[in-house]
PDB file of N, CA and C in Angstrom:
ATOM      1  N   MET A   1       2.781 -29.186-122.472  1.00  0.00           N
ATOM      2  CA  MET A   1       2.629 -27.875-122.185  1.00  0.00           C
ATOM      3  C   MET A   1       1.394 -27.405-122.950  1.00  0.00           C
ATOM      4  N   ALA A   2       0.670 -26.448-122.279  1.00  0.00           N
ATOM      5  CA  ALA A   2      -0.527 -25.979-122.843  1.00  0.00           C
ATOM      6  C   ALA A   2      -0.529 -24.438-122.950  1.00  0.00           C
ATOM      7  N   ASN A   3      -1.181 -23.912-123.966  1.00  0.00           N
ATOM      8  CA  ASN A   3      -1.359 -22.451-124.076  1.00  0.00           C
ATOM      9  C   ASN A   3      -2.621 -22.127-123.302  1.00  0.00           C
ATOM     10  N   CYS A   4      -2.551 -21.108-122.394  1.00  0.00           N
ATOM     11  CA  CYS A   4      -3.686 -20.860-121.510  1.00  0.00           C
ATOM     12  C   CYS A   4      -4.059 -19.390-121.692  1.00  0.00           C
ATOM     13  N   LEU A   5      -5.305 -19.088-121.676  1.00  0.00           N
ATOM     14  CA  LEU A   5      -5.848 -17.705-121.578  1.00  0.00           C
ATOM     15  C   LEU A   5      -6.511 -17.427-120.295  1.00  0.00           C
ATOM     16  N   PHE A   6      -5.962 -16.454-119.533  1.00  0.00           N
ATOM     17  CA  PHE A   6      -6.479 -16.155-118.210  1.00  0.00           C
ATOM     18  C   PHE A   6      -7.336 -14.911-118.375  1.00  0.00           C
ATOM     19  N   PRO A   7      -8.262 -14.677-117.426  1.00  0.00           N
ATOM     20  CA  PRO A   7      -9.075 -13.455-117.492  1.00  0.00           C
ATOM     21  C   PRO A   7      -8.265 -12.224-117.275  1.00  0.00           C
ATOM     22  N   ALA A   8      -8.769 -11.092-117.645  1.00  0.00           N
ATOM     23  CA  ALA A   8      -8.030  -9.782-117.487  1.00  0.00           C
ATOM     24  C   ALA A   8      -7.772  -9.563-116.018  1.00  0.00           C
ATOM     25  N   GLY A   9      -6.577  -9.024-115.767  1.00  0.00           N
ATOM     26  CA  GLY A   9      -6.176  -8.776-114.455  1.00  0.00           C
ATOM     27  C   GLY A   9      -5.157  -9.821-113.903  1.00  0.00           C
ATOM     28  N   ILE A  10      -5.317 -11.010-114.413  1.00  0.00           N
ATOM     29  CA  ILE A  10      -4.334 -12.072-114.089  1.00  0.00           C
ATOM     30  C   ILE A  10      -3.739 -12.734-115.354  1.00  0.00           C
ATOM     31  N   GLU A  11      -3.743 -12.007-116.430  1.00  0.00           N
ATOM     32  CA  GLU A  11      -3.337 -12.630-117.676  1.00  0.00           C
ATOM     33  C   GLU A  11      -1.815 -12.898-117.727  1.00  0.00           C
ATOM     34  N   LYS A  12      -1.035 -12.334-116.855  1.00  0.00           N
ATOM     35  CA  LYS A  12       0.379 -12.568-116.864  1.00  0.00           C
ATOM     36  C   LYS A  12       0.835 -13.258-115.547  1.00  0.00           C
ATOM     37  N   VAL A  13       0.153 -14.358-115.193  1.00  0.00           N
ATOM     38  CA  VAL A  13       0.516 -15.117-114.072  1.00  0.00           C
ATOM     39  C   VAL A  13       1.809 -15.775-114.244  1.00  0.00           C
ATOM     40  N   SER A  14       2.700 -15.725-113.223  1.00  0.00           N
ATOM     41  CA  SER A  14       4.035 -16.401-113.232  1.00  0.00           C
ATOM     42  C   SER A  14       4.340 -16.998-111.968  1.00  0.00           C
ATOM     43  N   GLY A  15       4.877 -18.190-111.956  1.00  0.00           N
ATOM     44  CA  GLY A  15       5.281 -18.864-110.779  1.00  0.00           C
ATOM     45  C   GLY A  15       4.519 -20.217-110.519  1.00  0.00           C
ATOM     46  N   THR A  16       4.704 -20.694-109.288  1.00  0.00           N
ATOM     47  CA  THR A  16       4.064 -21.971-108.914  1.00  0.00           C
ATOM     48  C   THR A  16       2.558 -21.775-108.571  1.00  0.00           C
ATOM     49  N   LEU A  17       1.705 -22.478-109.325  1.00  0.00           N
ATOM     50  CA  LEU A  17       0.279 -22.400-109.072  1.00  0.00           C
ATOM     51  C   LEU A  17      -0.150 -23.352-107.938  1.00  0.00           C
ATOM     52  N   SER A  18       0.455 -24.569-107.989  1.00  0.00           N
ATOM     53  CA  SER A  18       0.167 -25.515-106.925  1.00  0.00           C
ATOM     54  C   SER A  18       1.339 -26.433-106.766  1.00  0.00           C
ATOM     55  N   LYS A  19       1.446 -27.031-105.551  1.00  0.00           N
ATOM     56  CA  LYS A  19       2.593 -27.891-105.234  1.00  0.00           C
ATOM     57  C   LYS A  19       2.077 -28.992-104.283  1.00  0.00           C
ATOM     58  N   SER A  20       2.518 -30.231-104.619  1.00  0.00           N
ATOM     59  CA  SER A  20       2.157 -31.329-103.768  1.00  0.00           C
ATOM     60  C   SER A  20       3.436 -32.152-103.492  1.00  0.00           C
ATOM     61  N   THR A  21       3.480 -32.690-102.312  1.00  0.00           N
ATOM     62  CA  THR A  21       4.657 -33.491-101.896  1.00  0.00           C
ATOM     63  C   THR A  21       4.205 -34.868-101.524  1.00  0.00           C
ATOM     64  N   ILE A  22       4.969 -35.846-102.043  1.00  0.00           N
ATOM     65  CA  ILE A  22       4.636 -37.286-101.753  1.00  0.00           C
ATOM     66  C   ILE A  22       5.961 -37.889-101.183  1.00  0.00           C
ATOM     67  N   VAL A  23       5.820 -38.482 -99.963  1.00  0.00           N
ATOM     68  CA  VAL A  23       6.926 -39.171 -99.373  1.00  0.00           C
ATOM     69  C   VAL A  23       6.877 -40.648 -99.656  1.00  0.00           C
ATOM     70  N   THR A  24       7.991 -41.125-100.281  1.00  0.00           N
ATOM     71  CA  THR A  24       8.127 -42.589-100.678  1.00  0.00           C
ATOM     72  C   THR A  24       9.322 -43.136 -99.886  1.00  0.00           C
ATOM     73  N   SER A  25       9.524 -44.413-100.155  1.00  0.00           N
ATOM     74  CA  SER A  25      10.610 -45.103 -99.471  1.00  0.00           C
ATOM     75  C   SER A  25      11.960 -44.669-100.128  1.00  0.00           C
ATOM     76  N   LYS A  26      11.942 -44.119-101.299  1.00  0.00           N
ATOM     77  CA  LYS A  26      13.130 -43.635-101.978  1.00  0.00           C
ATOM     78  C   LYS A  26      13.398 -42.232-101.710  1.00  0.00           C
ATOM     79  N   GLY A  27      12.488 -41.508-101.095  1.00  0.00           N
ATOM     80  CA  GLY A  27      12.699 -40.056-100.817  1.00  0.00           C
ATOM     81  C   GLY A  27      11.409 -39.250-101.044  1.00  0.00           C
ATOM     82  N   VAL A  28      11.555 -38.013-101.162  1.00  0.00           N
ATOM     83  CA  VAL A  28      10.408 -37.091-101.379  1.00  0.00           C
ATOM     84  C   VAL A  28      10.282 -36.710-102.848  1.00  0.00           C
ATOM     85  N   ILE A  29       9.059 -36.807-103.382  1.00  0.00           N
ATOM     86  CA  ILE A  29       8.771 -36.429-104.712  1.00  0.00           C
ATOM     87  C   ILE A  29       7.893 -35.205-104.628  1.00  0.00           C
ATOM     88  N   THR A  30       8.300 -34.104-105.322  1.00  0.00           N
ATOM     89  CA  THR A  30       7.511 -32.865-105.316  1.00  0.00           C
ATOM     90  C   THR A  30       7.022 -32.602-106.697  1.00  0.00           C
ATOM     91  N   LYS A  31       5.676 -32.425-106.870  1.00  0.00           N
ATOM     92  CA  LYS A  31       5.043 -32.137-108.109  1.00  0.00           C
ATOM     93  C   LYS A  31       4.531 -30.735-108.003  1.00  0.00           C
ATOM     94  N   ARG A  32       4.880 -29.905-109.030  1.00  0.00           N
ATOM     95  CA  ARG A  32       4.459 -28.545-109.202  1.00  0.00           C
ATOM     96  C   ARG A  32       3.724 -28.230-110.474  1.00  0.00           C
ATOM     97  N   VAL A  33       2.728 -27.416-110.376  1.00  0.00           N
ATOM     98  CA  VAL A  33       2.090 -26.827-111.632  1.00  0.00           C
ATOM     99  C   VAL A  33       2.661 -25.386-111.736  1.00  0.00           C
ATOM    100  N   ILE A  34       3.355 -25.118-112.795  1.00  0.00           N
ATOM    101  CA  ILE A  34       4.061 -23.827-112.870  1.00  0.00           C
ATOM    102  C   ILE A  34       3.571 -23.064-114.165  1.00  0.00           C
ATOM    103  N   ALA A  35       3.379 -21.762-113.967  1.00  0.00           N
ATOM    104  CA  ALA A  35       2.959 -20.852-115.030  1.00  0.00           C
ATOM    105  C   ALA A  35       4.009 -19.877-115.408  1.00  0.00           C
ATOM    106  N   CYS A  36       4.196 -19.632-116.687  1.00  0.00           N
ATOM    107  CA  CYS A  36       5.214 -18.565-117.057  1.00  0.00           C
ATOM    108  C   CYS A  36       4.745 -17.981-118.376  1.00  0.00           C
ATOM    109  N   VAL A  37       5.296 -16.865-118.666  1.00  0.00           N
ATOM    110  CA  VAL A  37       5.004 -16.179-119.980  1.00  0.00           C
ATOM    111  C   VAL A  37       6.231 -16.262-120.886  1.00  0.00           C
ATOM    112  N   ARG A  38       6.196 -16.903-122.004  1.00  0.00           N
ATOM    113  CA  ARG A  38       7.244 -16.925-122.960  1.00  0.00           C
ATOM    114  C   ARG A  38       6.735 -16.547-124.312  1.00  0.00           C
ATOM    115  N   ASN A  39       7.485 -15.737-124.975  1.00  0.00           N
ATOM    116  CA  ASN A  39       7.162 -15.237-126.360  1.00  0.00           C
ATOM    117  C   ASN A  39       5.778 -14.625-126.360  1.00  0.00           C
ATOM    118  N   GLY A  40       5.344 -13.950-125.322  1.00  0.00           N
ATOM    119  CA  GLY A  40       4.060 -13.349-125.219  1.00  0.00           C
ATOM    120  C   GLY A  40       2.889 -14.264-124.986  1.00  0.00           C
ATOM    121  N   LYS A  41       3.149 -15.565-124.714  1.00  0.00           N
ATOM    122  CA  LYS A  41       2.101 -16.598-124.492  1.00  0.00           C
ATOM    123  C   LYS A  41       2.244 -17.103-123.067  1.00  0.00           C
ATOM    124  N   GLN A  42       1.067 -17.334-122.374  1.00  0.00           N
ATOM    125  CA  GLN A  42       1.082 -17.842-121.091  1.00  0.00           C
ATOM    126  C   GLN A  42       1.192 -19.329-121.273  1.00  0.00           C
ATOM    127  N   LYS A  43       2.173 -19.957-120.515  1.00  0.00           N
ATOM    128  CA  LYS A  43       2.357 -21.386-120.608  1.00  0.00           C
ATOM    129  C   LYS A  43       2.193 -22.018-119.213  1.00  0.00           C
ATOM    130  N   ILE A  44       1.715 -23.203-119.166  1.00  0.00           N
ATOM    131  CA  ILE A  44       1.546 -23.956-117.927  1.00  0.00           C
ATOM    132  C   ILE A  44       2.227 -25.319-118.086  1.00  0.00           C
ATOM    133  N   TYR A  45       3.052 -25.726-117.192  1.00  0.00           N
ATOM    134  CA  TYR A  45       3.645 -27.032-117.298  1.00  0.00           C
ATOM    135  C   TYR A  45       3.732 -27.667-115.925  1.00  0.00           C
ATOM    136  N   ILE A  46       3.946 -28.954-115.898  1.00  0.00           N
ATOM    137  CA  ILE A  46       4.079 -29.763-114.678  1.00  0.00           C
ATOM    138  C   ILE A  46       5.539 -30.178-114.488  1.00  0.00           C
ATOM    139  N   ARG A  47       5.997 -29.950-113.315  1.00  0.00           N
ATOM    140  CA  ARG A  47       7.400 -30.235-112.994  1.00  0.00           C
ATOM    141  C   ARG A  47       7.396 -31.285-111.866  1.00  0.00           C
ATOM    142  N   GLU A  48       8.144 -32.336-111.948  1.00  0.00           N
ATOM    143  CA  GLU A  48       8.177 -33.361-110.946  1.00  0.00           C
ATOM    144  C   GLU A  48       9.662 -33.572-110.477  1.00  0.00           C
ATOM    145  N   ASP A  49       9.913 -33.174-109.279  1.00  0.00           N
ATOM    146  CA  ASP A  49      11.304 -33.347-108.704  1.00  0.00           C
ATOM    147  C   ASP A  49      11.386 -34.640-107.984  1.00  0.00           C
ATOM    148  N   LYS A  50      12.336 -35.483-108.406  1.00  0.00           N
ATOM    149  CA  LYS A  50      12.578 -36.883-107.758  1.00  0.00           C
ATOM    150  C   LYS A  50      13.929 -36.824-107.175  1.00  0.00           C
ATOM    151  N   PRO A  51      14.061 -37.608-106.060  1.00  0.00           N
ATOM    152  CA  PRO A  51      15.430 -37.748-105.510  1.00  0.00           C
ATOM    153  C   PRO A  51      16.380 -38.542-106.469  1.00  0.00           C
ATOM    154  N   ARG A  52      17.650 -38.315-106.365  1.00  0.00           N
ATOM    155  CA  ARG A  52      18.601 -38.959-107.226  1.00  0.00           C
ATOM    156  C   ARG A  52      18.698 -40.410-106.780  1.00  0.00           C
ATOM    157  N   CYS A  53      18.796 -41.297-107.766  1.00  0.00           N
ATOM    158  CA  CYS A  53      18.859 -42.740-107.423  1.00  0.00           C
ATOM    159  C   CYS A  53      20.254 -43.218-107.357  1.00  0.00           C
ATOM    160  N   THR A  54      21.211 -42.538-107.968  1.00  0.00           N
ATOM    161  CA  THR A  54      22.607 -43.022-108.039  1.00  0.00           C
ATOM    162  C   THR A  54      23.534 -42.108-107.208  1.00  0.00           C
ATOM    163  N   LYS A  55      24.624 -42.615-106.765  1.00  0.00           N
ATOM    164  CA  LYS A  55      25.571 -41.823-106.025  1.00  0.00           C
ATOM    165  C   LYS A  55      26.444 -41.016-107.038  1.00  0.00           C
ATOM    166  N   PRO A  56      26.903 -39.806-106.656  1.00  0.00           N
ATOM    167  CA  PRO A  56      27.712 -39.037-107.549  1.00  0.00           C
ATOM    168  C   PRO A  56      28.961 -39.781-107.885  1.00  0.00           C
ATOM    169  N   THR A  57      29.427 -39.621-109.164  1.00  0.00           N
ATOM    170  CA  THR A  57      30.692 -40.232-109.561  1.00  0.00           C
ATOM    171  C   THR A  57      31.872 -39.406-108.984  1.00  0.00           C
ATOM    172  N   GLU A  58      33.036 -40.031-109.069  1.00  0.00           N
ATOM    173  CA  GLU A  58      34.270 -39.267-108.589  1.00  0.00           C
ATOM    174  C   GLU A  58      34.474 -38.024-109.335  1.00  0.00           C
ATOM    175  N   GLY A  59      34.188 -38.093-110.704  1.00  0.00           N
ATOM    176  CA  GLY A  59      34.339 -36.883-111.475  1.00  0.00           C
ATOM    177  C   GLY A  59      33.421 -35.764-111.067  1.00  0.00           C
ATOM    178  N   GLU A  60      32.149 -36.140-110.710  1.00  0.00           N
ATOM    179  CA  GLU A  60      31.193 -35.146-110.245  1.00  0.00           C
ATOM    180  C   GLU A  60      31.654 -34.518-108.896  1.00  0.00           C
ATOM    181  N   ILE A  61      32.162 -35.374-108.008  1.00  0.00           N
ATOM    182  CA  ILE A  61      32.586 -34.871-106.710  1.00  0.00           C
ATOM    183  C   ILE A  61      33.783 -33.934-106.882  1.00  0.00           C
ATOM    184  N   ALA A  62      34.724 -34.276-107.778  1.00  0.00           N
ATOM    185  CA  ALA A  62      35.895 -33.442-108.099  1.00  0.00           C
ATOM    186  C   ALA A  62      35.423 -32.123-108.687  1.00  0.00           C
ATOM    187  N   ALA A  63      34.467 -32.151-109.570  1.00  0.00           N
ATOM    188  CA  ALA A  63      33.999 -30.879-110.182  1.00  0.00           C
ATOM    189  C   ALA A  63      33.305 -30.052-109.170  1.00  0.00           C
ATOM    190  N   ARG A  64      32.505 -30.588-108.238  1.00  0.00           N
ATOM    191  CA  ARG A  64      31.849 -29.866-107.158  1.00  0.00           C
ATOM    192  C   ARG A  64      32.852 -29.246-106.238  1.00  0.00           C
ATOM    193  N   SER A  65      33.985 -29.973-105.897  1.00  0.00           N
ATOM    194  CA  SER A  65      34.945 -29.414-104.951  1.00  0.00           C
ATOM    195  C   SER A  65      35.746 -28.306-105.608  1.00  0.00           C
ATOM    196  N   SER A  66      36.061 -28.450-106.919  1.00  0.00           N
ATOM    197  CA  SER A  66      36.812 -27.390-107.592  1.00  0.00           C
ATOM    198  C   SER A  66      35.961 -26.171-107.711  1.00  0.00           C
ATOM    199  N   PHE A  67      34.670 -26.310-108.055  1.00  0.00           N
ATOM    200  CA  PHE A  67      33.775 -25.203-108.153  1.00  0.00           C
ATOM    201  C   PHE A  67      33.662 -24.498-106.750  1.00  0.00           C
ATOM    202  N   ALA A  68      33.530 -25.235-105.708  1.00  0.00           N
ATOM    203  CA  ALA A  68      33.404 -24.714-104.363  1.00  0.00           C
ATOM    204  C   ALA A  68      34.584 -23.894-104.033  1.00  0.00           C
ATOM    205  N   PHE A  69      35.802 -24.400-104.375  1.00  0.00           N
ATOM    206  CA  PHE A  69      36.995 -23.628-104.064  1.00  0.00           C
ATOM    207  C   PHE A  69      37.067 -22.393-104.815  1.00  0.00           C
ATOM    208  N   MET A  70      36.798 -22.463-106.172  1.00  0.00           N
ATOM    209  CA  MET A  70      36.917 -21.281-106.944  1.00  0.00           C
ATOM    210  C   MET A  70      35.833 -20.200-106.606  1.00  0.00           C
ATOM    211  N   ALA A  71      34.629 -20.669-106.284  1.00  0.00           N
ATOM    212  CA  ALA A  71      33.577 -19.738-105.846  1.00  0.00           C
ATOM    213  C   ALA A  71      33.958 -18.954-104.550  1.00  0.00           C
ATOM    214  N   SER A  72      34.520 -19.737-103.626  1.00  0.00           N
ATOM    215  CA  SER A  72      34.911 -19.177-102.364  1.00  0.00           C
ATOM    216  C   SER A  72      36.126 -18.152-102.549  1.00  0.00           C
ATOM    217  N   GLU A  73      36.991 -18.552-103.414  1.00  0.00           N
ATOM    218  CA  GLU A  73      38.146 -17.644-103.629  1.00  0.00           C
ATOM    219  C   GLU A  73      37.702 -16.418-104.327  1.00  0.00           C
ATOM    220  N   VAL A  74      36.800 -16.440-105.284  1.00  0.00           N
ATOM    221  CA  VAL A  74      36.296 -15.301-105.947  1.00  0.00           C
ATOM    222  C   VAL A  74      35.592 -14.399-104.960  1.00  0.00           C
ATOM    223  N   SER A  75      34.802 -14.931-104.079  1.00  0.00           N
ATOM    224  CA  SER A  75      34.047 -14.170-103.062  1.00  0.00           C
ATOM    225  C   SER A  75      35.072 -13.454-102.098  1.00  0.00           C
ATOM    226  N   ARG A  76      36.102 -14.257-101.722  1.00  0.00           N
ATOM    227  CA  ARG A  76      37.135 -13.715-100.869  1.00  0.00           C
ATOM    228  C   ARG A  76      37.783 -12.483-101.411  1.00  0.00           C
ATOM    229  N   ARG A  77      38.200 -12.652-102.759  1.00  0.00           N
ATOM    230  CA  ARG A  77      38.870 -11.571-103.427  1.00  0.00           C
ATOM    231  C   ARG A  77      37.942 -10.312-103.531  1.00  0.00           C
ATOM    232  N   MET A  78      36.590 -10.573-103.787  1.00  0.00           N
ATOM    233  CA  MET A  78      35.769  -9.411-103.961  1.00  0.00           C
ATOM    234  C   MET A  78      35.494  -8.720-102.568  1.00  0.00           C
ATOM    235  N   ALA A  79      35.505  -9.546-101.553  1.00  0.00           N
ATOM    236  CA  ALA A  79      35.299  -8.975-100.114  1.00  0.00           C
ATOM    237  C   ALA A  79      36.498  -8.214 -99.714  1.00  0.00           C
ATOM    238  N   ASN A  80      37.703  -8.569-100.302  1.00  0.00           N
ATOM    239  CA  ASN A  80      38.955  -7.823 -99.915  1.00  0.00           C
ATOM    240  C   ASN A  80      39.145  -6.600-100.782  1.00  0.00           C
ATOM    241  N   GLY A  81      38.204  -6.257-101.585  1.00  0.00           N
ATOM    242  CA  GLY A  81      38.302  -4.945-102.327  1.00  0.00           C
ATOM    243  C   GLY A  81      38.563  -5.049-103.714  1.00  0.00           C
ATOM    244  N   ASP A  82      38.688  -6.269-104.374  1.00  0.00           N
ATOM    245  CA  ASP A  82      38.914  -6.378-105.766  1.00  0.00           C
ATOM    246  C   ASP A  82      37.681  -5.826-106.512  1.00  0.00           C
ATOM    247  N   LYS A  83      37.801  -4.661-107.316  1.00  0.00           N
ATOM    248  CA  LYS A  83      36.700  -4.045-107.963  1.00  0.00           C
ATOM    249  C   LYS A  83      36.442  -4.526-109.452  1.00  0.00           C
ATOM    250  N   ARG A  84      37.252  -5.460-109.903  1.00  0.00           N
ATOM    251  CA  ARG A  84      37.029  -5.932-111.203  1.00  0.00           C
ATOM    252  C   ARG A  84      35.763  -6.726-111.323  1.00  0.00           C
ATOM    253  N   PRO A  85      35.218  -6.885-112.483  1.00  0.00           N
ATOM    254  CA  PRO A  85      34.003  -7.729-112.661  1.00  0.00           C
ATOM    255  C   PRO A  85      34.196  -9.166-112.237  1.00  0.00           C
ATOM    256  N   ARG A  86      33.216  -9.746-111.672  1.00  0.00           N
ATOM    257  CA  ARG A  86      33.284 -11.119-111.214  1.00  0.00           C
ATOM    258  C   ARG A  86      33.807 -12.043-112.294  1.00  0.00           C
ATOM    259  N   LYS A  87      33.409 -11.857-113.500  1.00  0.00           N
ATOM    260  CA  LYS A  87      33.772 -12.726-114.604  1.00  0.00           C
ATOM    261  C   LYS A  87      35.324 -12.731-114.853  1.00  0.00           C
ATOM    262  N   LEU A  88      35.944 -11.536-114.686  1.00  0.00           N
ATOM    263  CA  LEU A  88      37.404 -11.549-114.825  1.00  0.00           C
ATOM    264  C   LEU A  88      38.118 -12.202-113.676  1.00  0.00           C
ATOM    265  N   ILE A  89      37.615 -11.993-112.476  1.00  0.00           N
ATOM    266  CA  ILE A  89      38.196 -12.615-111.283  1.00  0.00           C
ATOM    267  C   ILE A  89      38.074 -14.129-111.389  1.00  0.00           C
ATOM    268  N   TRP A  90      36.849 -14.565-111.879  1.00  0.00           N
ATOM    269  CA  TRP A  90      36.598 -16.051-112.005  1.00  0.00           C
ATOM    270  C   TRP A  90      37.613 -16.617-112.982  1.00  0.00           C
ATOM    271  N   ALA A  91      37.861 -16.009-114.122  1.00  0.00           N
ATOM    272  CA  ALA A  91      38.819 -16.497-115.158  1.00  0.00           C
ATOM    273  C   ALA A  91      40.178 -16.566-114.535  1.00  0.00           C
ATOM    274  N   GLU A  92      40.561 -15.523-113.803  1.00  0.00           N
ATOM    275  CA  GLU A  92      41.929 -15.632-113.170  1.00  0.00           C
ATOM    276  C   GLU A  92      42.065 -16.712-112.183  1.00  0.00           C
ATOM    277  N   VAL A  93      41.093 -16.891-111.340  1.00  0.00           N
ATOM    278  CA  VAL A  93      41.103 -17.993-110.354  1.00  0.00           C
ATOM    279  C   VAL A  93      41.103 -19.289-111.035  1.00  0.00           C
ATOM    280  N   LYS A  94      40.318 -19.458-112.059  1.00  0.00           N
ATOM    281  CA  LYS A  94      40.295 -20.657-112.847  1.00  0.00           C
ATOM    282  C   LYS A  94      41.593 -21.041-113.451  1.00  0.00           C
ATOM    283  N   ALA A  95      42.276 -20.039-114.022  1.00  0.00           N
ATOM    284  CA  ALA A  95      43.633 -20.296-114.621  1.00  0.00           C
ATOM    285  C   ALA A  95      44.606 -20.701-113.515  1.00  0.00           C
ATOM    286  N   GLU A  96      44.537 -20.097-112.324  1.00  0.00           N
ATOM    287  CA  GLU A  96      45.494 -20.411-111.233  1.00  0.00           C
ATOM    288  C   GLU A  96      45.178 -21.832-110.771  1.00  0.00           C
ATOM    289  N   PHE A  97      43.878 -22.232-110.729  1.00  0.00           N
ATOM    290  CA  PHE A  97      43.475 -23.493-110.274  1.00  0.00           C
ATOM    291  C   PHE A  97      43.967 -24.618-111.235  1.00  0.00           C
ATOM    292  N   LYS A  98      43.874 -24.324-112.574  1.00  0.00           N
ATOM    293  CA  LYS A  98      44.270 -25.308-113.563  1.00  0.00           C
ATOM    294  C   LYS A  98      45.788 -25.473-113.550  1.00  0.00           C
ATOM    295  N   LYS A  99      46.534 -24.384-113.242  1.00  0.00           N
ATOM    296  CA  LYS A  99      47.989 -24.498-113.122  1.00  0.00           C
ATOM    297  C   LYS A  99      48.415 -25.271-111.944  1.00  0.00           C
ATOM    298  N   GLY A 100      47.467 -25.452-110.937  1.00  0.00           N
ATOM    299  CA  GLY A 100      47.848 -26.186-109.684  1.00  0.00           C
ATOM    300  C   GLY A 100      48.206 -25.322-108.542  1.00  0.00           C
ATOM    301  N   ASP A 101      48.144 -23.932-108.776  1.00  0.00           N
ATOM    302  CA  ASP A 101      48.425 -23.062-107.716  1.00  0.00           C
ATOM    303  C   ASP A 101      47.101 -22.776-106.971  1.00  0.00           C
ATOM    304  N   THR A 102      46.686 -23.719-106.038  1.00  0.00           N
ATOM    305  CA  THR A 102      45.442 -23.547-105.340  1.00  0.00           C
ATOM    306  C   THR A 102      45.556 -22.731-104.072  1.00  0.00           C
ATOM    307  N   HIS A 103      46.764 -22.243-103.794  1.00  0.00           N
ATOM    308  CA  HIS A 103      46.918 -21.433-102.567  1.00  0.00           C
ATOM    309  C   HIS A 103      46.756 -20.032-102.920  1.00  0.00           C
ATOM    310  N   ALA A 104      45.760 -19.388-102.315  1.00  0.00           N
ATOM    311  CA  ALA A 104      45.520 -17.984-102.562  1.00  0.00           C
ATOM    312  C   ALA A 104      46.454 -17.063-101.861  1.00  0.00           C
ATOM    313  N   GLU A 105      46.817 -15.973-102.508  1.00  0.00           N
ATOM    314  CA  GLU A 105      47.691 -15.016-101.842  1.00  0.00           C
ATOM    315  C   GLU A 105      46.843 -14.239-100.822  1.00  0.00           C
ATOM    316  N   VAL A 106      47.408 -14.002 -99.692  1.00  0.00           N
ATOM    317  CA  VAL A 106      46.690 -13.296 -98.623  1.00  0.00           C
ATOM    318  C   VAL A 106      46.853 -11.861 -98.648  1.00  0.00           C
TER     319      VAL A 106
END
């Protein structure tokens, strides 16, 4: 990471400055040059996104499915008029899910 000084007018640049994509036999690799301001200093760093090489474990798949269920249940309750903060609804749904009561009341 480097400290950068930009000319006046663009001294607070933030976001992707450049992006390149490389297609390989294992998938698509995306390289980005990103600028951001942290602690009053302009920072530039390079980010490289690579495809995953391993398959998700059973634990990861279970965590993803439980998260998907809980997120959809929270959204459903909020759409049905529950005015409580999302955090409280999420905690309630999580407690119900852990008890094994995965059927939502209609």
